[in-house]
Amino acid sequence: MTLEAQTIARACGKSHVHNLEPEDLVALTVEAAAMAKVPLAGTDWVPGSKSHE
């Protein structure tokens, strides 16, 4: 799991997992986006956010 997290960080252009920021995270499903309060992949829409209702 550590290697996977490091690979994800590098894919985001970060040199280390600790450099990942909330803005680097997206969800693959509407349900996951709503629970994690992160955008749905490919959009800037966060389900349940007041700015997009």
C-alpha atoms as a PDB file:
ATOM      1  CA  MET A   1       0.000   0.000   0.000  1.00  0.00           C
ATOM      2  CA  THR A   2       2.891   2.349   0.697  1.00  0.00           C
ATOM      3  CA  LEU A   3       4.272   1.851  -2.800  1.00  0.00           C
ATOM      4  CA  GLU A   4       0.836   2.536  -4.278  1.00  0.00           C
ATOM      5  CA  ALA A   5       0.542   5.782  -2.309  1.00  0.00           C
ATOM      6  CA  GLN A   6       4.018   6.847  -3.462  1.00  0.00           C
ATOM      7  CA  THR A   7       3.055   6.092  -7.070  1.00  0.00           C
ATOM      8  CA  ILE A   8      -0.099   8.183  -6.717  1.00  0.00           C
ATOM      9  CA  ALA A   9       1.917  11.072  -5.268  1.00  0.00           C
ATOM     10  CA  ARG A  10       4.369  10.934  -8.175  1.00  0.00           C
ATOM     11  CA  ALA A  11       1.481  10.817 -10.661  1.00  0.00           C
ATOM     12  CA  CYS A  12       0.234  14.064  -9.090  1.00  0.00           C
ATOM     13  CA  GLY A  13       3.681  15.614  -9.565  1.00  0.00           C
ATOM     14  CA  LYS A  14       4.584  15.408  -5.889  1.00  0.00           C
ATOM     15  CA  SER A  15       7.933  14.179  -4.608  1.00  0.00           C
ATOM     16  CA  HIS A  16       6.498  12.581  -1.460  1.00  0.00           C
ATOM     17  CA  VAL A  17       3.159  11.353  -0.094  1.00  0.00           C
ATOM     18  CA  HIS A  18       3.323  14.051   2.582  1.00  0.00           C
ATOM     19  CA  ASN A  19       3.189  16.675  -0.177  1.00  0.00           C
ATOM     20  CA  LEU A  20      -0.267  15.577  -1.318  1.00  0.00           C
ATOM     21  CA  GLU A  21      -2.946  18.184  -0.654  1.00  0.00           C
ATOM     22  CA  PRO A  22      -6.741  17.958  -0.527  1.00  0.00           C
ATOM     23  CA  GLU A  23      -6.830  19.581  -3.978  1.00  0.00           C
ATOM     24  CA  ASP A  24      -5.040  16.489  -5.349  1.00  0.00           C
ATOM     25  CA  LEU A  25      -7.915  14.196  -4.372  1.00  0.00           C
ATOM     26  CA  VAL A  26     -10.964  13.243  -6.442  1.00  0.00           C
ATOM     27  CA  ALA A  27     -13.555  10.491  -6.161  1.00  0.00           C
ATOM     28  CA  LEU A  28     -14.610   7.978  -8.806  1.00  0.00           C
ATOM     29  CA  THR A  29     -18.251   7.738  -7.736  1.00  0.00           C
ATOM     30  CA  VAL A  30     -20.852  10.281  -6.647  1.00  0.00           C
ATOM     31  CA  GLU A  31     -21.267   8.426  -3.362  1.00  0.00           C
ATOM     32  CA  ALA A  32     -17.537   8.512  -2.581  1.00  0.00           C
ATOM     33  CA  ALA A  33     -17.338  12.189  -3.541  1.00  0.00           C
ATOM     34  CA  ALA A  34     -20.210  13.023  -1.192  1.00  0.00           C
ATOM     35  CA  MET A  35     -18.742  11.051   1.711  1.00  0.00           C
ATOM     36  CA  ALA A  36     -15.195  12.397   1.297  1.00  0.00           C
ATOM     37  CA  LYS A  37     -16.323  15.919   0.328  1.00  0.00           C
ATOM     38  CA  VAL A  38     -13.987  15.916  -2.679  1.00  0.00           C
ATOM     39  CA  PRO A  39     -14.813  16.569  -6.354  1.00  0.00           C
ATOM     40  CA  LEU A  40     -16.091  13.877  -8.647  1.00  0.00           C
ATOM     41  CA  ALA A  41     -13.277  12.911 -11.045  1.00  0.00           C
ATOM     42  CA  GLY A  42     -13.253  15.037 -14.185  1.00  0.00           C
ATOM     43  CA  THR A  43     -15.365  17.791 -12.615  1.00  0.00           C
ATOM     44  CA  ASP A  44     -15.135  20.453  -9.947  1.00  0.00           C
ATOM     45  CA  TRP A  45     -18.478  19.302  -8.492  1.00  0.00           C
ATOM     46  CA  VAL A  46     -18.590  18.201  -4.869  1.00  0.00           C
ATOM     47  CA  PRO A  47     -21.952  16.507  -4.229  1.00  0.00           C
ATOM     48  CA  GLY A  48     -23.813  18.270  -1.445  1.00  0.00           C
ATOM     49  CA  SER A  49     -21.741  21.443  -1.624  1.00  0.00           C
ATOM     50  CA  LYS A  50     -23.808  24.605  -1.431  1.00  0.00           C
ATOM     51  CA  SER A  51     -21.811  26.350  -4.168  1.00  0.00           C
ATOM     52  CA  HIS A  52     -23.176  24.000  -6.846  1.00  0.00           C
ATOM     53  CA  GLU A  53     -26.773  23.470  -5.689  1.00  0.00           C
END
